[in-house]
Amino acid sequence: MYQPPSPEKYALTVEQAADYFSIGHKKVRQIADEHPDAGFILYNGTKLLIKCRKFEQFLDQTSSI
């Protein structure tokens, strides 16, 4: 069963970020691929993680995704 991330959580998996921000996981990956220097990407080995607050700031400045 899905558990929403804690508001204090620093980074989310792609799936958690997709659920939290109500966008598809393919779209989250696409955004990460298109904006590698945006500051919201974190890798744990090869696992892509999304920095929650930075991604939220990025989305706030974006008019469409």
PDB file of N, CA and C in Angstrom:
ATOM      1  N   MET A   1       0.839  -1.187   0.000  1.00  0.00           N
ATOM      2  CA  MET A   1       0.000   0.000   0.000  1.00  0.00           C
ATOM      3  C   MET A   1       0.879   1.243   0.000  1.00  0.00           C
ATOM      4  N   TYR A   2       0.494   2.225  -0.794  1.00  0.00           N
ATOM      5  CA  TYR A   2       1.275   3.451  -0.938  1.00  0.00           C
ATOM      6  C   TYR A   2       1.230   4.278   0.343  1.00  0.00           C
ATOM      7  N   GLN A   3       2.400   4.714   0.761  1.00  0.00           N
ATOM      8  CA  GLN A   3       2.529   5.620   1.898  1.00  0.00           C
ATOM      9  C   GLN A   3       3.030   6.960   1.365  1.00  0.00           C
ATOM     10  N   PRO A   4       2.281   8.052   1.537  1.00  0.00           N
ATOM     11  CA  PRO A   4       2.774   9.342   1.050  1.00  0.00           C
ATOM     12  C   PRO A   4       4.053   9.731   1.767  1.00  0.00           C
ATOM     13  N   PRO A   5       4.955  10.418   1.058  1.00  0.00           N
ATOM     14  CA  PRO A   5       6.211  10.808   1.686  1.00  0.00           C
ATOM     15  C   PRO A   5       5.989  11.838   2.787  1.00  0.00           C
ATOM     16  N   SER A   6       6.853  11.787   3.743  1.00  0.00           N
ATOM     17  CA  SER A   6       6.827  12.761   4.831  1.00  0.00           C
ATOM     18  C   SER A   6       7.218  14.126   4.277  1.00  0.00           C
ATOM     19  N   PRO A   7       6.605  15.200   4.748  1.00  0.00           N
ATOM     20  CA  PRO A   7       6.991  16.532   4.263  1.00  0.00           C
ATOM     21  C   PRO A   7       8.453  16.871   4.547  1.00  0.00           C
ATOM     22  N   GLU A   8       9.042  16.203   5.523  1.00  0.00           N
ATOM     23  CA  GLU A   8      10.441  16.458   5.854  1.00  0.00           C
ATOM     24  C   GLU A   8      11.405  15.624   5.018  1.00  0.00           C
ATOM     25  N   LYS A   9      10.886  14.745   4.184  1.00  0.00           N
ATOM     26  CA  LYS A   9      11.743  13.876   3.385  1.00  0.00           C
ATOM     27  C   LYS A   9      12.511  14.718   2.359  1.00  0.00           C
ATOM     28  N   TYR A  10      13.817  14.515   2.286  1.00  0.00           N
ATOM     29  CA  TYR A  10      14.676  15.329   1.427  1.00  0.00           C
ATOM     30  C   TYR A  10      14.549  14.946  -0.042  1.00  0.00           C
ATOM     31  N   ALA A  11      14.589  13.646  -0.327  1.00  0.00           N
ATOM     32  CA  ALA A  11      14.563  13.178  -1.707  1.00  0.00           C
ATOM     33  C   ALA A  11      13.545  12.060  -1.856  1.00  0.00           C
ATOM     34  N   LEU A  12      12.967  11.988  -3.049  1.00  0.00           N
ATOM     35  CA  LEU A  12      11.957  10.992  -3.359  1.00  0.00           C
ATOM     36  C   LEU A  12      12.407  10.159  -4.546  1.00  0.00           C
ATOM     37  N   THR A  13      11.961   8.906  -4.582  1.00  0.00           N
ATOM     38  CA  THR A  13      12.178   8.111  -5.779  1.00  0.00           C
ATOM     39  C   THR A  13      11.308   8.693  -6.885  1.00  0.00           C
ATOM     40  N   VAL A  14      11.536   8.276  -8.101  1.00  0.00           N
ATOM     41  CA  VAL A  14      10.739   8.766  -9.225  1.00  0.00           C
ATOM     42  C   VAL A  14       9.259   8.446  -8.998  1.00  0.00           C
ATOM     43  N   GLU A  15       8.973   7.248  -8.527  1.00  0.00           N
ATOM     44  CA  GLU A  15       7.593   6.832  -8.299  1.00  0.00           C
ATOM     45  C   GLU A  15       6.940   7.658  -7.182  1.00  0.00           C
ATOM     46  N   GLN A  16       7.682   7.903  -6.111  1.00  0.00           N
ATOM     47  CA  GLN A  16       7.159   8.727  -5.019  1.00  0.00           C
ATOM     48  C   GLN A  16       6.914  10.154  -5.481  1.00  0.00           C
ATOM     49  N   ALA A  17       7.854  10.701  -6.251  1.00  0.00           N
ATOM     50  CA  ALA A  17       7.706  12.063  -6.761  1.00  0.00           C
ATOM     51  C   ALA A  17       6.493  12.162  -7.690  1.00  0.00           C
ATOM     52  N   ALA A  18       6.302  11.150  -8.528  1.00  0.00           N
ATOM     53  CA  ALA A  18       5.155  11.144  -9.433  1.00  0.00           C
ATOM     54  C   ALA A  18       3.846  11.154  -8.640  1.00  0.00           C
ATOM     55  N   ASP A  19       3.773  10.329  -7.612  1.00  0.00           N
ATOM     56  CA  ASP A  19       2.566  10.296  -6.776  1.00  0.00           C
ATOM     57  C   ASP A  19       2.392  11.604  -6.005  1.00  0.00           C
ATOM     58  N   TYR A  20       3.455  12.098  -5.426  1.00  0.00           N
ATOM     59  CA  TYR A  20       3.389  13.298  -4.598  1.00  0.00           C
ATOM     60  C   TYR A  20       2.966  14.525  -5.406  1.00  0.00           C
ATOM     61  N   PHE A  21       3.518  14.671  -6.619  1.00  0.00           N
ATOM     62  CA  PHE A  21       3.234  15.839  -7.439  1.00  0.00           C
ATOM     63  C   PHE A  21       2.118  15.600  -8.454  1.00  0.00           C
ATOM     64  N   SER A  22       1.519  14.420  -8.428  1.00  0.00           N
ATOM     65  CA  SER A  22       0.387  14.062  -9.306  1.00  0.00           C
ATOM     66  C   SER A  22       0.725  14.187 -10.789  1.00  0.00           C
ATOM     67  N   ILE A  23       1.905  13.698 -11.144  1.00  0.00           N
ATOM     68  CA  ILE A  23       2.287  13.607 -12.549  1.00  0.00           C
ATOM     69  C   ILE A  23       2.821  12.210 -12.791  1.00  0.00           C
ATOM     70  N   GLY A  24       2.868  11.788 -14.024  1.00  0.00           N
ATOM     71  CA  GLY A  24       3.311  10.437 -14.350  1.00  0.00           C
ATOM     72  C   GLY A  24       4.798  10.234 -14.106  1.00  0.00           C
ATOM     73  N   HIS A  25       5.174   8.979 -13.805  1.00  0.00           N
ATOM     74  CA  HIS A  25       6.599   8.709 -13.556  1.00  0.00           C
ATOM     75  C   HIS A  25       7.422   8.875 -14.827  1.00  0.00           C
ATOM     76  N   LYS A  26       6.838   8.626 -15.996  1.00  0.00           N
ATOM     77  CA  LYS A  26       7.571   8.853 -17.238  1.00  0.00           C
ATOM     78  C   LYS A  26       7.842  10.346 -17.436  1.00  0.00           C
ATOM     79  N   LYS A  27       6.889  11.172 -17.035  1.00  0.00           N
ATOM     80  CA  LYS A  27       7.063  12.623 -17.154  1.00  0.00           C
ATOM     81  C   LYS A  27       8.137  13.119 -16.190  1.00  0.00           C
ATOM     82  N   VAL A  28       8.183  12.558 -14.971  1.00  0.00           N
ATOM     83  CA  VAL A  28       9.222  12.940 -14.011  1.00  0.00           C
ATOM     84  C   VAL A  28      10.596  12.606 -14.595  1.00  0.00           C
ATOM     85  N   ARG A  29      10.739  11.407 -15.155  1.00  0.00           N
ATOM     86  CA  ARG A  29      12.023  11.023 -15.774  1.00  0.00           C
ATOM     87  C   ARG A  29      12.356  11.924 -16.957  1.00  0.00           C
ATOM     88  N   GLN A  30      11.350  12.254 -17.773  1.00  0.00           N
ATOM     89  CA  GLN A  30      11.569  13.122 -18.919  1.00  0.00           C
ATOM     90  C   GLN A  30      12.055  14.500 -18.468  1.00  0.00           C
ATOM     91  N   ILE A  31      11.421  15.051 -17.451  1.00  0.00           N
ATOM     92  CA  ILE A  31      11.840  16.356 -16.923  1.00  0.00           C
ATOM     93  C   ILE A  31      13.270  16.281 -16.408  1.00  0.00           C
ATOM     94  N   ALA A  32      13.599  15.209 -15.686  1.00  0.00           N
ATOM     95  CA  ALA A  32      14.961  15.034 -15.169  1.00  0.00           C
ATOM     96  C   ALA A  32      15.972  14.928 -16.309  1.00  0.00           C
ATOM     97  N   ASP A  33      15.612  14.204 -17.372  1.00  0.00           N
ATOM     98  CA  ASP A  33      16.512  14.066 -18.520  1.00  0.00           C
ATOM     99  C   ASP A  33      16.708  15.383 -19.253  1.00  0.00           C
ATOM    100  N   GLU A  34      15.638  16.184 -19.341  1.00  0.00           N
ATOM    101  CA  GLU A  34      15.704  17.442 -20.082  1.00  0.00           C
ATOM    102  C   GLU A  34      16.365  18.580 -19.294  1.00  0.00           C
ATOM    103  N   HIS A  35      16.430  18.425 -17.964  1.00  0.00           N
ATOM    104  CA  HIS A  35      16.984  19.486 -17.112  1.00  0.00           C
ATOM    105  C   HIS A  35      18.017  18.905 -16.136  1.00  0.00           C
ATOM    106  N   PRO A  36      19.102  18.347 -16.664  1.00  0.00           N
ATOM    107  CA  PRO A  36      20.071  17.685 -15.777  1.00  0.00           C
ATOM    108  C   PRO A  36      20.793  18.627 -14.819  1.00  0.00           C
ATOM    109  N   ASP A  37      20.827  19.912 -15.120  1.00  0.00           N
ATOM    110  CA  ASP A  37      21.529  20.876 -14.265  1.00  0.00           C
ATOM    111  C   ASP A  37      20.573  21.753 -13.453  1.00  0.00           C
ATOM    112  N   ALA A  38      19.309  21.342 -13.333  1.00  0.00           N
ATOM    113  CA  ALA A  38      18.311  22.162 -12.640  1.00  0.00           C
ATOM    114  C   ALA A  38      18.462  22.127 -11.127  1.00  0.00           C
ATOM    115  N   GLY A  39      19.229  21.201 -10.596  1.00  0.00           N
ATOM    116  CA  GLY A  39      19.487  21.169  -9.163  1.00  0.00           C
ATOM    117  C   GLY A  39      18.571  20.277  -8.353  1.00  0.00           C
ATOM    118  N   PHE A  40      17.620  19.604  -8.982  1.00  0.00           N
ATOM    119  CA  PHE A  40      16.716  18.744  -8.234  1.00  0.00           C
ATOM    120  C   PHE A  40      17.021  17.258  -8.403  1.00  0.00           C
ATOM    121  N   ILE A  41      18.097  16.934  -9.083  1.00  0.00           N
ATOM    122  CA  ILE A  41      18.456  15.536  -9.335  1.00  0.00           C
ATOM    123  C   ILE A  41      19.546  15.097  -8.366  1.00  0.00           C
ATOM    124  N   LEU A  42      19.366  13.899  -7.839  1.00  0.00           N
ATOM    125  CA  LEU A  42      20.340  13.291  -6.945  1.00  0.00           C
ATOM    126  C   LEU A  42      20.429  11.819  -7.317  1.00  0.00           C
ATOM    127  N   TYR A  43      21.637  11.307  -7.446  1.00  0.00           N
ATOM    128  CA  TYR A  43      21.821   9.882  -7.746  1.00  0.00           C
ATOM    129  C   TYR A  43      22.389   9.170  -6.535  1.00  0.00           C
ATOM    130  N   ASN A  44      21.799   8.034  -6.217  1.00  0.00           N
ATOM    131  CA  ASN A  44      22.329   7.107  -5.228  1.00  0.00           C
ATOM    132  C   ASN A  44      22.812   5.912  -6.031  1.00  0.00           C
ATOM    133  N   GLY A  45      24.074   5.933  -6.405  1.00  0.00           N
ATOM    134  CA  GLY A  45      24.573   4.949  -7.372  1.00  0.00           C
ATOM    135  C   GLY A  45      23.968   5.288  -8.720  1.00  0.00           C
ATOM    136  N   THR A  46      23.169   4.376  -9.265  1.00  0.00           N
ATOM    137  CA  THR A  46      22.489   4.644 -10.523  1.00  0.00           C
ATOM    138  C   THR A  46      21.011   4.971 -10.322  1.00  0.00           C
ATOM    139  N   LYS A  47      20.566   4.961  -9.075  1.00  0.00           N
ATOM    140  CA  LYS A  47      19.161   5.230  -8.764  1.00  0.00           C
ATOM    141  C   LYS A  47      18.896   6.732  -8.762  1.00  0.00           C
ATOM    142  N   LEU A  48      17.948   7.158  -9.597  1.00  0.00           N
ATOM    143  CA  LEU A  48      17.582   8.562  -9.702  1.00  0.00           C
ATOM    144  C   LEU A  48      16.654   8.940  -8.552  1.00  0.00           C
ATOM    145  N   LEU A  49      17.019   9.990  -7.833  1.00  0.00           N
ATOM    146  CA  LEU A  49      16.182  10.543  -6.777  1.00  0.00           C
ATOM    147  C   LEU A  49      15.889  12.000  -7.105  1.00  0.00           C
ATOM    148  N   ILE A  50      14.740  12.463  -6.642  1.00  0.00           N
ATOM    149  CA  ILE A  50      14.304  13.832  -6.892  1.00  0.00           C
ATOM    150  C   ILE A  50      14.298  14.591  -5.574  1.00  0.00           C
ATOM    151  N   LYS A  51      15.035  15.695  -5.516  1.00  0.00           N
ATOM    152  CA  LYS A  51      15.036  16.542  -4.323  1.00  0.00           C
ATOM    153  C   LYS A  51      13.688  17.264  -4.279  1.00  0.00           C
ATOM    154  N   CYS A  52      12.932  16.954  -3.258  1.00  0.00           N
ATOM    155  CA  CYS A  52      11.533  17.368  -3.166  1.00  0.00           C
ATOM    156  C   CYS A  52      11.345  18.881  -3.257  1.00  0.00           C
ATOM    157  N   ARG A  53      11.997  19.636  -2.413  1.00  0.00           N
ATOM    158  CA  ARG A  53      11.798  21.098  -2.390  1.00  0.00           C
ATOM    159  C   ARG A  53      12.295  21.771  -3.656  1.00  0.00           C
ATOM    160  N   LYS A  54      13.434  21.308  -4.164  1.00  0.00           N
ATOM    161  CA  LYS A  54      13.990  21.913  -5.387  1.00  0.00           C
ATOM    162  C   LYS A  54      13.094  21.620  -6.587  1.00  0.00           C
ATOM    163  N   PHE A  55      12.543  20.396  -6.640  1.00  0.00           N
ATOM    164  CA  PHE A  55      11.640  20.040  -7.736  1.00  0.00           C
ATOM    165  C   PHE A  55      10.355  20.864  -7.644  1.00  0.00           C
ATOM    166  N   GLU A  56       9.876  21.068  -6.428  1.00  0.00           N
ATOM    167  CA  GLU A  56       8.689  21.892  -6.226  1.00  0.00           C
ATOM    168  C   GLU A  56       8.950  23.322  -6.696  1.00  0.00           C
ATOM    169  N   GLN A  57      10.124  23.867  -6.387  1.00  0.00           N
ATOM    170  CA  GLN A  57      10.481  25.211  -6.863  1.00  0.00           C
ATOM    171  C   GLN A  57      10.542  25.241  -8.379  1.00  0.00           C
ATOM    172  N   PHE A  58      11.113  24.198  -8.977  1.00  0.00           N
ATOM    173  CA  PHE A  58      11.180  24.120 -10.439  1.00  0.00           C
ATOM    174  C   PHE A  58       9.776  24.134 -11.038  1.00  0.00           C
ATOM    175  N   LEU A  59       8.869  23.329 -10.468  1.00  0.00           N
ATOM    176  CA  LEU A  59       7.503  23.275 -10.974  1.00  0.00           C
ATOM    177  C   LEU A  59       6.775  24.603 -10.774  1.00  0.00           C
ATOM    178  N   ASP A  60       7.068  25.292  -9.679  1.00  0.00           N
ATOM    179  CA  ASP A  60       6.433  26.597  -9.432  1.00  0.00           C
ATOM    180  C   ASP A  60       6.807  27.609 -10.514  1.00  0.00           C
ATOM    181  N   GLN A  61       7.996  27.499 -11.074  1.00  0.00           N
ATOM    182  CA  GLN A  61       8.465  28.433 -12.085  1.00  0.00           C
ATOM    183  C   GLN A  61       8.090  28.009 -13.500  1.00  0.00           C
ATOM    184  N   THR A  62       7.472  26.834 -13.623  1.00  0.00           N
ATOM    185  CA  THR A  62       7.121  26.280 -14.931  1.00  0.00           C
ATOM    186  C   THR A  62       5.631  26.453 -15.192  1.00  0.00           C
ATOM    187  N   SER A  63       5.279  26.922 -16.369  1.00  0.00           N
ATOM    188  CA  SER A  63       3.860  27.127 -16.668  1.00  0.00           C
ATOM    189  C   SER A  63       3.196  25.886 -17.248  1.00  0.00           C
ATOM    190  N   SER A  64       3.983  24.970 -17.811  1.00  0.00           N
ATOM    191  CA  SER A  64       3.424  23.721 -18.332  1.00  0.00           C
ATOM    192  C   SER A  64       4.507  22.647 -18.313  1.00  0.00           C
ATOM    193  N   ILE A  65       4.046  21.393 -18.183  1.00  0.00           N
ATOM    194  CA  ILE A  65       4.990  20.275 -18.213  1.00  0.00           C
ATOM    195  C   ILE A  65       4.564  19.264 -19.251  1.00  0.00           C
TER     196      ILE A  65
END
